[in-house]
Amino acid sequence: MSPLDARLPAHLEVSGYIRIAEAQGGFGMVLSKGEREAGTVLLLTTHRNENATLWERMPQLDGSRPYIVAKQQNDENKQEFAEYIQRRGQQDPDIWVVELDIADPERFIASLPSQGEC
């Protein structure tokens, strides 16, 4: 079975992230729903609604797909960050955008398995 065949459906992946965030005392919500089974998932992390960072899975040479930082919010130009997310949605209408407000976003992301590691 190829790693793509083993991929968790996007709606289950999103649901899992929100549950993990809530179990750790955070909050999660879907900002944009994508394709139910195979949509790309972007994670927008904040802590107390500050320090917004957008994470996206990127394929690596070893076949894993860890989340990496795609964009960080510039406090002096917050509109630029929102426009970036909007452009990504226009480029890929199947994309999911999930906001997670959690105490330690970097640790949360590092704890997630890279797809292909199953």
PDB file of N, CA and C in Angstrom:
ATOM      1  N   MET A   1       0.848  -1.172   0.000  1.00  0.00           N
ATOM      2  CA  MET A   1       0.000   0.000   0.000  1.00  0.00           C
ATOM      3  C   MET A   1       0.899   1.242   0.000  1.00  0.00           C
ATOM      4  N   SER A   2       0.611   2.185  -0.873  1.00  0.00           N
ATOM      5  CA  SER A   2       1.407   3.408  -0.939  1.00  0.00           C
ATOM      6  C   SER A   2       0.995   4.344   0.194  1.00  0.00           C
ATOM      7  N   PRO A   3       1.882   5.305   0.551  1.00  0.00           N
ATOM      8  CA  PRO A   3       1.528   6.264   1.605  1.00  0.00           C
ATOM      9  C   PRO A   3       0.255   7.041   1.290  1.00  0.00           C
ATOM     10  N   LEU A   4      -0.013   7.304   0.025  1.00  0.00           N
ATOM     11  CA  LEU A   4      -1.228   8.025  -0.320  1.00  0.00           C
ATOM     12  C   LEU A   4      -2.468   7.190  -0.013  1.00  0.00           C
ATOM     13  N   ASP A   5      -2.372   5.865  -0.193  1.00  0.00           N
ATOM     14  CA  ASP A   5      -3.499   4.998   0.105  1.00  0.00           C
ATOM     15  C   ASP A   5      -3.799   4.978   1.603  1.00  0.00           C
ATOM     16  N   ALA A   6      -2.773   5.228   2.424  1.00  0.00           N
ATOM     17  CA  ALA A   6      -2.929   5.157   3.869  1.00  0.00           C
ATOM     18  C   ALA A   6      -3.364   6.491   4.474  1.00  0.00           C
ATOM     19  N   ARG A   7      -3.528   7.495   3.652  1.00  0.00           N
ATOM     20  CA  ARG A   7      -3.858   8.828   4.155  1.00  0.00           C
ATOM     21  C   ARG A   7      -5.224   8.851   4.834  1.00  0.00           C
ATOM     22  N   LEU A   8      -5.254   9.463   5.992  1.00  0.00           N
ATOM     23  CA  LEU A   8      -6.488   9.647   6.744  1.00  0.00           C
ATOM     24  C   LEU A   8      -7.358  10.661   5.999  1.00  0.00           C
ATOM     25  N   PRO A   9      -8.653  10.407   5.847  1.00  0.00           N
ATOM     26  CA  PRO A   9      -9.519  11.395   5.196  1.00  0.00           C
ATOM     27  C   PRO A   9      -9.407  12.752   5.898  1.00  0.00           C
ATOM     28  N   ALA A  10      -9.421  13.812   5.111  1.00  0.00           N
ATOM     29  CA  ALA A  10      -9.199  15.162   5.637  1.00  0.00           C
ATOM     30  C   ALA A  10     -10.169  15.525   6.762  1.00  0.00           C
ATOM     31  N   HIS A  11     -11.442  15.155   6.620  1.00  0.00           N
ATOM     32  CA  HIS A  11     -12.408  15.540   7.659  1.00  0.00           C
ATOM     33  C   HIS A  11     -12.099  14.865   8.994  1.00  0.00           C
ATOM     34  N   LEU A  12     -11.562  13.658   8.961  1.00  0.00           N
ATOM     35  CA  LEU A  12     -11.179  12.973  10.211  1.00  0.00           C
ATOM     36  C   LEU A  12      -9.908  13.575  10.794  1.00  0.00           C
ATOM     37  N   GLU A  13      -8.971  13.918   9.921  1.00  0.00           N
ATOM     38  CA  GLU A  13      -7.732  14.556  10.358  1.00  0.00           C
ATOM     39  C   GLU A  13      -8.048  15.876  11.074  1.00  0.00           C
ATOM     40  N   VAL A  14      -8.883  16.688  10.462  1.00  0.00           N
ATOM     41  CA  VAL A  14      -9.278  17.974  11.034  1.00  0.00           C
ATOM     42  C   VAL A  14      -9.974  17.778  12.379  1.00  0.00           C
ATOM     43  N   SER A  15     -10.892  16.862  12.437  1.00  0.00           N
ATOM     44  CA  SER A  15     -11.617  16.577  13.672  1.00  0.00           C
ATOM     45  C   SER A  15     -10.647  16.158  14.780  1.00  0.00           C
ATOM     46  N   GLY A  16      -9.672  15.344  14.423  1.00  0.00           N
ATOM     47  CA  GLY A  16      -8.672  14.895  15.394  1.00  0.00           C
ATOM     48  C   GLY A  16      -7.839  16.041  15.937  1.00  0.00           C
ATOM     49  N   TYR A  17      -7.422  16.960  15.066  1.00  0.00           N
ATOM     50  CA  TYR A  17      -6.624  18.100  15.515  1.00  0.00           C
ATOM     51  C   TYR A  17      -7.403  18.960  16.497  1.00  0.00           C
ATOM     52  N   ILE A  18      -8.660  19.181  16.198  1.00  0.00           N
ATOM     53  CA  ILE A  18      -9.491  20.006  17.085  1.00  0.00           C
ATOM     54  C   ILE A  18      -9.657  19.319  18.434  1.00  0.00           C
ATOM     55  N   ARG A  19      -9.891  18.021  18.421  1.00  0.00           N
ATOM     56  CA  ARG A  19     -10.044  17.288  19.686  1.00  0.00           C
ATOM     57  C   ARG A  19      -8.767  17.305  20.515  1.00  0.00           C
ATOM     58  N   ILE A  20      -7.617  17.139  19.851  1.00  0.00           N
ATOM     59  CA  ILE A  20      -6.337  17.170  20.575  1.00  0.00           C
ATOM     60  C   ILE A  20      -6.127  18.550  21.193  1.00  0.00           C
ATOM     61  N   ALA A  21      -6.392  19.597  20.418  1.00  0.00           N
ATOM     62  CA  ALA A  21      -6.231  20.964  20.934  1.00  0.00           C
ATOM     63  C   ALA A  21      -7.134  21.188  22.154  1.00  0.00           C
ATOM     64  N   GLU A  22      -8.382  20.744  22.061  1.00  0.00           N
ATOM     65  CA  GLU A  22      -9.315  20.925  23.174  1.00  0.00           C
ATOM     66  C   GLU A  22      -8.900  20.101  24.386  1.00  0.00           C
ATOM     67  N   ALA A  23      -8.372  18.902  24.169  1.00  0.00           N
ATOM     68  CA  ALA A  23      -7.911  18.060  25.277  1.00  0.00           C
ATOM     69  C   ALA A  23      -6.726  18.698  25.997  1.00  0.00           C
ATOM     70  N   GLN A  24      -5.983  19.552  25.282  1.00  0.00           N
ATOM     71  CA  GLN A  24      -4.837  20.233  25.884  1.00  0.00           C
ATOM     72  C   GLN A  24      -5.212  21.618  26.412  1.00  0.00           C
ATOM     73  N   GLY A  25      -6.517  21.882  26.506  1.00  0.00           N
ATOM     74  CA  GLY A  25      -6.975  23.143  27.061  1.00  0.00           C
ATOM     75  C   GLY A  25      -7.094  24.269  26.056  1.00  0.00           C
ATOM     76  N   GLY A  26      -6.960  23.949  24.774  1.00  0.00           N
ATOM     77  CA  GLY A  26      -7.057  24.968  23.732  1.00  0.00           C
ATOM     78  C   GLY A  26      -8.419  24.962  23.079  1.00  0.00           C
ATOM     79  N   PHE A  27      -8.462  25.549  21.920  1.00  0.00           N
ATOM     80  CA  PHE A  27      -9.697  25.700  21.173  1.00  0.00           C
ATOM     81  C   PHE A  27      -9.390  25.523  19.696  1.00  0.00           C
ATOM     82  N   GLY A  28     -10.292  24.904  18.966  1.00  0.00           N
ATOM     83  CA  GLY A  28     -10.106  24.750  17.531  1.00  0.00           C
ATOM     84  C   GLY A  28     -11.403  24.928  16.784  1.00  0.00           C
ATOM     85  N   MET A  29     -11.298  25.469  15.574  1.00  0.00           N
ATOM     86  CA  MET A  29     -12.477  25.593  14.727  1.00  0.00           C
ATOM     87  C   MET A  29     -12.075  25.599  13.271  1.00  0.00           C
ATOM     88  N   VAL A  30     -12.983  25.144  12.437  1.00  0.00           N
ATOM     89  CA  VAL A  30     -12.769  25.101  10.997  1.00  0.00           C
ATOM     90  C   VAL A  30     -13.141  26.461  10.426  1.00  0.00           C
ATOM     91  N   LEU A  31     -12.183  27.114   9.769  1.00  0.00           N
ATOM     92  CA  LEU A  31     -12.439  28.400   9.129  1.00  0.00           C
ATOM     93  C   LEU A  31     -12.908  28.208   7.693  1.00  0.00           C
ATOM     94  N   SER A  32     -12.440  27.121   7.076  1.00  0.00           N
ATOM     95  CA  SER A  32     -12.798  26.841   5.687  1.00  0.00           C
ATOM     96  C   SER A  32     -12.788  25.328   5.473  1.00  0.00           C
ATOM     97  N   LYS A  33     -13.912  24.798   4.999  1.00  0.00           N
ATOM     98  CA  LYS A  33     -13.999  23.369   4.722  1.00  0.00           C
ATOM     99  C   LYS A  33     -13.549  23.092   3.303  1.00  0.00           C
ATOM    100  N   GLY A  34     -12.744  22.052   3.167  1.00  0.00           N
ATOM    101  CA  GLY A  34     -12.266  21.640   1.860  1.00  0.00           C
ATOM    102  C   GLY A  34     -12.890  20.321   1.439  1.00  0.00           C
ATOM    103  N   GLU A  35     -12.214  19.640   0.545  1.00  0.00           N
ATOM    104  CA  GLU A  35     -12.679  18.351   0.047  1.00  0.00           C
ATOM    105  C   GLU A  35     -12.646  17.354   1.191  1.00  0.00           C
ATOM    106  N   ARG A  36     -13.746  16.682   1.426  1.00  0.00           N
ATOM    107  CA  ARG A  36     -13.945  15.811   2.590  1.00  0.00           C
ATOM    108  C   ARG A  36     -12.901  14.708   2.732  1.00  0.00           C
ATOM    109  N   GLU A  37     -12.534  14.092   1.648  1.00  0.00           N
ATOM    110  CA  GLU A  37     -11.630  12.939   1.733  1.00  0.00           C
ATOM    111  C   GLU A  37     -10.154  13.293   1.537  1.00  0.00           C
ATOM    112  N   ALA A  38      -9.861  14.173   0.588  1.00  0.00           N
ATOM    113  CA  ALA A  38      -8.456  14.367   0.220  1.00  0.00           C
ATOM    114  C   ALA A  38      -8.010  15.819   0.188  1.00  0.00           C
ATOM    115  N   GLY A  39      -8.750  16.710   0.818  1.00  0.00           N
ATOM    116  CA  GLY A  39      -8.362  18.118   0.802  1.00  0.00           C
ATOM    117  C   GLY A  39      -7.088  18.374   1.590  1.00  0.00           C
ATOM    118  N   THR A  40      -6.350  19.376   1.158  1.00  0.00           N
ATOM    119  CA  THR A  40      -5.153  19.811   1.870  1.00  0.00           C
ATOM    120  C   THR A  40      -5.585  20.503   3.161  1.00  0.00           C
ATOM    121  N   VAL A  41      -4.857  20.247   4.243  1.00  0.00           N
ATOM    122  CA  VAL A  41      -5.191  20.839   5.538  1.00  0.00           C
ATOM    123  C   VAL A  41      -4.105  21.844   5.922  1.00  0.00           C
ATOM    124  N   LEU A  42      -4.527  23.088   6.155  1.00  0.00           N
ATOM    125  CA  LEU A  42      -3.637  24.124   6.676  1.00  0.00           C
ATOM    126  C   LEU A  42      -4.030  24.367   8.133  1.00  0.00           C
ATOM    127  N   LEU A  43      -3.042  24.448   8.997  1.00  0.00           N
ATOM    128  CA  LEU A  43      -3.297  24.720  10.406  1.00  0.00           C
ATOM    129  C   LEU A  43      -2.851  26.136  10.719  1.00  0.00           C
ATOM    130  N   LEU A  44      -3.762  26.925  11.236  1.00  0.00           N
ATOM    131  CA  LEU A  44      -3.487  28.293  11.662  1.00  0.00           C
ATOM    132  C   LEU A  44      -3.417  28.265  13.178  1.00  0.00           C
ATOM    133  N   THR A  45      -2.203  28.405  13.717  1.00  0.00           N
ATOM    134  CA  THR A  45      -2.052  28.342  15.171  1.00  0.00           C
ATOM    135  C   THR A  45      -1.872  29.738  15.752  1.00  0.00           C
ATOM    136  N   THR A  46      -2.456  29.919  16.921  1.00  0.00           N
ATOM    137  CA  THR A  46      -2.293  31.147  17.689  1.00  0.00           C
ATOM    138  C   THR A  46      -2.221  30.758  19.159  1.00  0.00           C
ATOM    139  N   HIS A  47      -1.809  31.704  19.974  1.00  0.00           N
ATOM    140  CA  HIS A  47      -1.920  31.539  21.419  1.00  0.00           C
ATOM    141  C   HIS A  47      -2.567  32.798  21.947  1.00  0.00           C
ATOM    142  N   ARG A  48      -3.767  32.635  22.482  1.00  0.00           N
ATOM    143  CA  ARG A  48      -4.583  33.760  22.947  1.00  0.00           C
ATOM    144  C   ARG A  48      -4.772  34.786  21.837  1.00  0.00           C
ATOM    145  N   ASN A  49      -5.008  34.237  20.644  1.00  0.00           N
ATOM    146  CA  ASN A  49      -5.305  35.033  19.453  1.00  0.00           C
ATOM    147  C   ASN A  49      -4.149  35.936  19.019  1.00  0.00           C
ATOM    148  N   GLU A  50      -2.915  35.553  19.350  1.00  0.00           N
ATOM    149  CA  GLU A  50      -1.724  36.303  18.945  1.00  0.00           C
ATOM    150  C   GLU A  50      -0.714  35.355  18.328  1.00  0.00           C
ATOM    151  N   ASN A  51       0.277  35.929  17.658  1.00  0.00           N
ATOM    152  CA  ASN A  51       1.366  35.167  17.041  1.00  0.00           C
ATOM    153  C   ASN A  51       0.853  34.124  16.061  1.00  0.00           C
ATOM    154  N   ALA A  52       0.019  34.539  15.140  1.00  0.00           N
ATOM    155  CA  ALA A  52      -0.564  33.615  14.164  1.00  0.00           C
ATOM    156  C   ALA A  52       0.513  33.054  13.233  1.00  0.00           C
ATOM    157  N   THR A  53       0.452  31.738  13.057  1.00  0.00           N
ATOM    158  CA  THR A  53       1.361  31.031  12.158  1.00  0.00           C
ATOM    159  C   THR A  53       0.544  30.045  11.350  1.00  0.00           C
ATOM    160  N   LEU A  54       0.814  29.998  10.055  1.00  0.00           N
ATOM    161  CA  LEU A  54       0.129  29.060   9.173  1.00  0.00           C
ATOM    162  C   LEU A  54       1.081  27.926   8.841  1.00  0.00           C
ATOM    163  N   TRP A  55       0.623  26.698   9.056  1.00  0.00           N
ATOM    164  CA  TRP A  55       1.414  25.482   8.837  1.00  0.00           C
ATOM    165  C   TRP A  55       0.809  24.678   7.704  1.00  0.00           C
ATOM    166  N   GLU A  56       1.677  24.089   6.875  1.00  0.00           N
ATOM    167  CA  GLU A  56       1.229  23.239   5.773  1.00  0.00           C
ATOM    168  C   GLU A  56       2.155  22.031   5.660  1.00  0.00           C
ATOM    169  N   ARG A  57       1.569  20.884   5.326  1.00  0.00           N
ATOM    170  CA  ARG A  57       2.380  19.680   5.136  1.00  0.00           C
ATOM    171  C   ARG A  57       3.207  19.828   3.864  1.00  0.00           C
ATOM    172  N   MET A  58       4.476  19.450   3.959  1.00  0.00           N
ATOM    173  CA  MET A  58       5.354  19.492   2.795  1.00  0.00           C
ATOM    174  C   MET A  58       6.082  18.163   2.667  1.00  0.00           C
ATOM    175  N   PRO A  59       6.065  17.581   1.468  1.00  0.00           N
ATOM    176  CA  PRO A  59       6.732  16.293   1.265  1.00  0.00           C
ATOM    177  C   PRO A  59       8.250  16.412   1.430  1.00  0.00           C
ATOM    178  N   GLN A  60       8.824  15.402   2.070  1.00  0.00           N
ATOM    179  CA  GLN A  60      10.264  15.331   2.292  1.00  0.00           C
ATOM    180  C   GLN A  60      10.849  14.187   1.469  1.00  0.00           C
ATOM    181  N   LEU A  61      12.139  14.163   1.332  1.00  0.00           N
ATOM    182  CA  LEU A  61      12.798  13.122   0.541  1.00  0.00           C
ATOM    183  C   LEU A  61      12.560  11.723   1.099  1.00  0.00           C
ATOM    184  N   ASP A  62      12.369  11.609   2.412  1.00  0.00           N
ATOM    185  CA  ASP A  62      12.160  10.291   3.020  1.00  0.00           C
ATOM    186  C   ASP A  62      10.704   9.805   2.902  1.00  0.00           C
ATOM    187  N   GLY A  63       9.858  10.602   2.234  1.00  0.00           N
ATOM    188  CA  GLY A  63       8.464  10.212   2.051  1.00  0.00           C
ATOM    189  C   GLY A  63       7.529  10.756   3.123  1.00  0.00           C
ATOM    190  N   SER A  64       8.072  11.319   4.190  1.00  0.00           N
ATOM    191  CA  SER A  64       7.219  11.890   5.235  1.00  0.00           C
ATOM    192  C   SER A  64       6.669  13.235   4.761  1.00  0.00           C
ATOM    193  N   ARG A  65       5.639  13.703   5.451  1.00  0.00           N
ATOM    194  CA  ARG A  65       5.002  14.982   5.109  1.00  0.00           C
ATOM    195  C   ARG A  65       4.737  15.770   6.388  1.00  0.00           C
ATOM    196  N   PRO A  66       5.791  16.298   7.016  1.00  0.00           N
ATOM    197  CA  PRO A  66       5.580  17.053   8.257  1.00  0.00           C
ATOM    198  C   PRO A  66       5.002  18.441   7.973  1.00  0.00           C
ATOM    199  N   TYR A  67       4.401  19.027   8.994  1.00  0.00           N
ATOM    200  CA  TYR A  67       3.934  20.395   8.883  1.00  0.00           C
ATOM    201  C   TYR A  67       5.130  21.332   9.010  1.00  0.00           C
ATOM    202  N   ILE A  68       5.208  22.313   8.116  1.00  0.00           N
ATOM    203  CA  ILE A  68       6.230  23.345   8.204  1.00  0.00           C
ATOM    204  C   ILE A  68       5.539  24.708   8.154  1.00  0.00           C
ATOM    205  N   VAL A  69       6.237  25.743   8.592  1.00  0.00           N
ATOM    206  CA  VAL A  69       5.672  27.091   8.578  1.00  0.00           C
ATOM    207  C   VAL A  69       5.572  27.573   7.141  1.00  0.00           C
ATOM    208  N   ALA A  70       4.364  27.920   6.734  1.00  0.00           N
ATOM    209  CA  ALA A  70       4.134  28.470   5.403  1.00  0.00           C
ATOM    210  C   ALA A  70       4.108  29.994   5.451  1.00  0.00           C
ATOM    211  N   LYS A  71       3.629  30.549   6.579  1.00  0.00           N
ATOM    212  CA  LYS A  71       3.504  32.009   6.702  1.00  0.00           C
ATOM    213  C   LYS A  71       3.348  32.374   8.169  1.00  0.00           C
ATOM    214  N   GLN A  72       3.995  33.466   8.575  1.00  0.00           N
ATOM    215  CA  GLN A  72       3.808  34.004   9.916  1.00  0.00           C
ATOM    216  C   GLN A  72       3.218  35.399   9.795  1.00  0.00           C
ATOM    217  N   GLN A  73       2.337  35.720  10.735  1.00  0.00           N
ATOM    218  CA  GLN A  73       1.682  37.017  10.699  1.00  0.00           C
ATOM    219  C   GLN A  73       2.642  38.124  11.106  1.00  0.00           C
ATOM    220  N   ASN A  74       2.643  39.184  10.335  1.00  0.00           N
ATOM    221  CA  ASN A  74       3.402  40.379  10.654  1.00  0.00           C
ATOM    222  C   ASN A  74       2.459  41.294  11.429  1.00  0.00           C
ATOM    223  N   ASP A  75       2.774  41.576  12.687  1.00  0.00           N
ATOM    224  CA  ASP A  75       1.884  42.377  13.524  1.00  0.00           C
ATOM    225  C   ASP A  75       1.633  43.774  12.953  1.00  0.00           C
ATOM    226  N   GLU A  76       2.554  44.263  12.141  1.00  0.00           N
ATOM    227  CA  GLU A  76       2.385  45.586  11.554  1.00  0.00           C
ATOM    228  C   GLU A  76       1.497  45.561  10.311  1.00  0.00           C
ATOM    229  N   ASN A  77       1.272  44.369   9.753  1.00  0.00           N
ATOM    230  CA  ASN A  77       0.432  44.250   8.562  1.00  0.00           C
ATOM    231  C   ASN A  77      -0.361  42.948   8.629  1.00  0.00           C
ATOM    232  N   LYS A  78      -1.334  42.896   9.532  1.00  0.00           N
ATOM    233  CA  LYS A  78      -2.134  41.684   9.725  1.00  0.00           C
ATOM    234  C   LYS A  78      -2.967  41.350   8.499  1.00  0.00           C
ATOM    235  N   GLN A  79      -3.310  42.350   7.706  1.00  0.00           N
ATOM    236  CA  GLN A  79      -4.110  42.127   6.503  1.00  0.00           C
ATOM    237  C   GLN A  79      -3.369  41.246   5.501  1.00  0.00           C
ATOM    238  N   GLU A  80      -2.048  41.377   5.428  1.00  0.00           N
ATOM    239  CA  GLU A  80      -1.245  40.576   4.507  1.00  0.00           C
ATOM    240  C   GLU A  80      -1.420  39.080   4.787  1.00  0.00           C
ATOM    241  N   PHE A  81      -1.471  38.729   6.053  1.00  0.00           N
ATOM    242  CA  PHE A  81      -1.633  37.334   6.463  1.00  0.00           C
ATOM    243  C   PHE A  81      -3.002  36.800   6.014  1.00  0.00           C
ATOM    244  N   ALA A  82      -4.036  37.586   6.263  1.00  0.00           N
ATOM    245  CA  ALA A  82      -5.391  37.196   5.848  1.00  0.00           C
ATOM    246  C   ALA A  82      -5.482  37.070   4.329  1.00  0.00           C
ATOM    247  N   GLU A  83      -4.827  37.963   3.611  1.00  0.00           N
ATOM    248  CA  GLU A  83      -4.831  37.905   2.144  1.00  0.00           C
ATOM    249  C   GLU A  83      -4.108  36.663   1.640  1.00  0.00           C
ATOM    250  N   TYR A  84      -3.027  36.282   2.316  1.00  0.00           N
ATOM    251  CA  TYR A  84      -2.291  35.067   1.933  1.00  0.00           C
ATOM    252  C   TYR A  84      -3.196  33.837   2.046  1.00  0.00           C
ATOM    253  N   ILE A  85      -3.909  33.734   3.151  1.00  0.00           N
ATOM    254  CA  ILE A  85      -4.815  32.600   3.351  1.00  0.00           C
ATOM    255  C   ILE A  85      -5.913  32.614   2.289  1.00  0.00           C
ATOM    256  N   GLN A  86      -6.423  33.779   1.990  1.00  0.00           N
ATOM    257  CA  GLN A  86      -7.456  33.894   0.959  1.00  0.00           C
ATOM    258  C   GLN A  86      -6.916  33.453  -0.409  1.00  0.00           C
ATOM    259  N   ARG A  87      -5.698  33.869  -0.755  1.00  0.00           N
ATOM    260  CA  ARG A  87      -5.084  33.457  -2.032  1.00  0.00           C
ATOM    261  C   ARG A  87      -4.893  31.946  -2.096  1.00  0.00           C
ATOM    262  N   ARG A  88      -4.454  31.352  -0.977  1.00  0.00           N
ATOM    263  CA  ARG A  88      -4.260  29.887  -0.933  1.00  0.00           C
ATOM    264  C   ARG A  88      -5.587  29.189  -1.207  1.00  0.00           C
ATOM    265  N   GLY A  89      -6.671  29.724  -0.651  1.00  0.00           N
ATOM    266  CA  GLY A  89      -7.988  29.151  -0.879  1.00  0.00           C
ATOM    267  C   GLY A  89      -8.434  29.272  -2.324  1.00  0.00           C
ATOM    268  N   GLN A  90      -8.055  30.350  -2.969  1.00  0.00           N
ATOM    269  CA  GLN A  90      -8.392  30.535  -4.378  1.00  0.00           C
ATOM    270  C   GLN A  90      -7.560  29.606  -5.258  1.00  0.00           C
ATOM    271  N   GLN A  91      -6.313  29.351  -4.866  1.00  0.00           N
ATOM    272  CA  GLN A  91      -5.437  28.452  -5.618  1.00  0.00           C
ATOM    273  C   GLN A  91      -5.905  27.009  -5.511  1.00  0.00           C
ATOM    274  N   ASP A  92      -6.442  26.657  -4.365  1.00  0.00           N
ATOM    275  CA  ASP A  92      -6.856  25.275  -4.112  1.00  0.00           C
ATOM    276  C   ASP A  92      -8.204  25.283  -3.397  1.00  0.00           C
ATOM    277  N   PRO A  93      -9.300  25.154  -4.148  1.00  0.00           N
ATOM    278  CA  PRO A  93     -10.626  25.207  -3.511  1.00  0.00           C
ATOM    279  C   PRO A  93     -10.921  24.016  -2.602  1.00  0.00           C
ATOM    280  N   ASP A  94     -10.083  22.984  -2.638  1.00  0.00           N
ATOM    281  CA  ASP A  94     -10.277  21.809  -1.783  1.00  0.00           C
ATOM    282  C   ASP A  94      -9.599  21.947  -0.426  1.00  0.00           C
ATOM    283  N   ILE A  95      -9.048  23.106  -0.141  1.00  0.00           N
ATOM    284  CA  ILE A  95      -8.237  23.316   1.049  1.00  0.00           C
ATOM    285  C   ILE A  95      -9.092  23.508   2.314  1.00  0.00           C
ATOM    286  N   TRP A  96      -8.604  22.955   3.413  1.00  0.00           N
ATOM    287  CA  TRP A  96      -9.193  23.160   4.738  1.00  0.00           C
ATOM    288  C   TRP A  96      -8.303  24.159   5.465  1.00  0.00           C
ATOM    289  N   VAL A  97      -8.894  25.074   6.196  1.00  0.00           N
ATOM    290  CA  VAL A  97      -8.143  25.970   7.076  1.00  0.00           C
ATOM    291  C   VAL A  97      -8.725  25.780   8.471  1.00  0.00           C
ATOM    292  N   VAL A  98      -7.859  25.346   9.393  1.00  0.00           N
ATOM    293  CA  VAL A  98      -8.277  25.043  10.758  1.00  0.00           C
ATOM    294  C   VAL A  98      -7.502  25.938  11.717  1.00  0.00           C
ATOM    295  N   GLU A  99      -8.218  26.709  12.518  1.00  0.00           N
ATOM    296  CA  GLU A  99      -7.565  27.558  13.511  1.00  0.00           C
ATOM    297  C   GLU A  99      -7.509  26.815  14.841  1.00  0.00           C
ATOM    298  N   LEU A 100      -6.322  26.798  15.428  1.00  0.00           N
ATOM    299  CA  LEU A 100      -6.099  26.164  16.728  1.00  0.00           C
ATOM    300  C   LEU A 100      -5.465  27.193  17.656  1.00  0.00           C
ATOM    301  N   ASP A 101      -6.153  27.550  18.704  1.00  0.00           N
ATOM    302  CA  ASP A 101      -5.616  28.471  19.699  1.00  0.00           C
ATOM    303  C   ASP A 101      -5.132  27.607  20.858  1.00  0.00           C
ATOM    304  N   ILE A 102      -3.812  27.459  20.940  1.00  0.00           N
ATOM    305  CA  ILE A 102      -3.206  26.531  21.897  1.00  0.00           C
ATOM    306  C   ILE A 102      -1.996  27.180  22.571  1.00  0.00           C
ATOM    307  N   ALA A 103      -1.666  26.698  23.756  1.00  0.00           N
ATOM    308  CA  ALA A 103      -0.611  27.299  24.574  1.00  0.00           C
ATOM    309  C   ALA A 103       0.773  27.227  23.926  1.00  0.00           C
ATOM    310  N   ASP A 104       1.126  26.119  23.321  1.00  0.00           N
ATOM    311  CA  ASP A 104       2.466  25.943  22.752  1.00  0.00           C
ATOM    312  C   ASP A 104       2.335  25.380  21.340  1.00  0.00           C
ATOM    313  N   PRO A 105       2.058  26.247  20.360  1.00  0.00           N
ATOM    314  CA  PRO A 105       1.808  25.764  18.996  1.00  0.00           C
ATOM    315  C   PRO A 105       2.939  24.935  18.403  1.00  0.00           C
ATOM    316  N   GLU A 106       4.178  25.334  18.621  1.00  0.00           N
ATOM    317  CA  GLU A 106       5.301  24.593  18.045  1.00  0.00           C
ATOM    318  C   GLU A 106       5.362  23.172  18.599  1.00  0.00           C
ATOM    319  N   ARG A 107       5.145  23.036  19.884  1.00  0.00           N
ATOM    320  CA  ARG A 107       5.155  21.704  20.506  1.00  0.00           C
ATOM    321  C   ARG A 107       3.981  20.859  19.990  1.00  0.00           C
ATOM    322  N   PHE A 108       2.813  21.497  19.853  1.00  0.00           N
ATOM    323  CA  PHE A 108       1.642  20.807  19.328  1.00  0.00           C
ATOM    324  C   PHE A 108       1.931  20.263  17.931  1.00  0.00           C
ATOM    325  N   ILE A 109       2.462  21.100  17.050  1.00  0.00           N
ATOM    326  CA  ILE A 109       2.753  20.683  15.679  1.00  0.00           C
ATOM    327  C   ILE A 109       3.808  19.581  15.673  1.00  0.00           C
ATOM    328  N   ALA A 110       4.829  19.717  16.499  1.00  0.00           N
ATOM    329  CA  ALA A 110       5.885  18.701  16.552  1.00  0.00           C
ATOM    330  C   ALA A 110       5.363  17.353  17.034  1.00  0.00           C
ATOM    331  N   SER A 111       4.276  17.357  17.798  1.00  0.00           N
ATOM    332  CA  SER A 111       3.720  16.099  18.313  1.00  0.00           C
ATOM    333  C   SER A 111       2.876  15.364  17.284  1.00  0.00           C
ATOM    334  N   LEU A 112       2.521  16.027  16.187  1.00  0.00           N
ATOM    335  CA  LEU A 112       1.694  15.392  15.167  1.00  0.00           C
ATOM    336  C   LEU A 112       2.536  14.463  14.318  1.00  0.00           C
ATOM    337  N   PRO A 113       1.996  13.295  13.963  1.00  0.00           N
ATOM    338  CA  PRO A 113       2.762  12.398  13.093  1.00  0.00           C
ATOM    339  C   PRO A 113       2.840  12.967  11.687  1.00  0.00           C
ATOM    340  N   SER A 114       3.977  12.764  11.035  1.00  0.00           N
ATOM    341  CA  SER A 114       4.102  13.137   9.629  1.00  0.00           C
ATOM    342  C   SER A 114       3.376  12.086   8.815  1.00  0.00           C
ATOM    343  N   GLN A 115       2.515  12.510   7.918  1.00  0.00           N
ATOM    344  CA  GLN A 115       1.817  11.511   7.100  1.00  0.00           C
ATOM    345  C   GLN A 115       2.866  10.712   6.342  1.00  0.00           C
ATOM    346  N   GLY A 116       2.643   9.433   6.272  1.00  0.00           N
ATOM    347  CA  GLY A 116       3.611   8.539   5.670  1.00  0.00           C
ATOM    348  C   GLY A 116       4.397   7.796   6.734  1.00  0.00           C
ATOM    349  N   GLU A 117       4.241   8.194   8.001  1.00  0.00           N
ATOM    350  CA  GLU A 117       4.930   7.532   9.115  1.00  0.00           C
ATOM    351  C   GLU A 117       4.130   6.382   9.693  1.00  0.00           C
ATOM    352  N   CYS A 118       2.904   6.204   9.256  1.00  0.00           N
ATOM    353  CA  CYS A 118       1.981   5.236   9.862  1.00  0.00           C
ATOM    354  C   CYS A 118       2.562   3.885  10.072  1.00  0.00           C
TER     355      CYS A 118
END
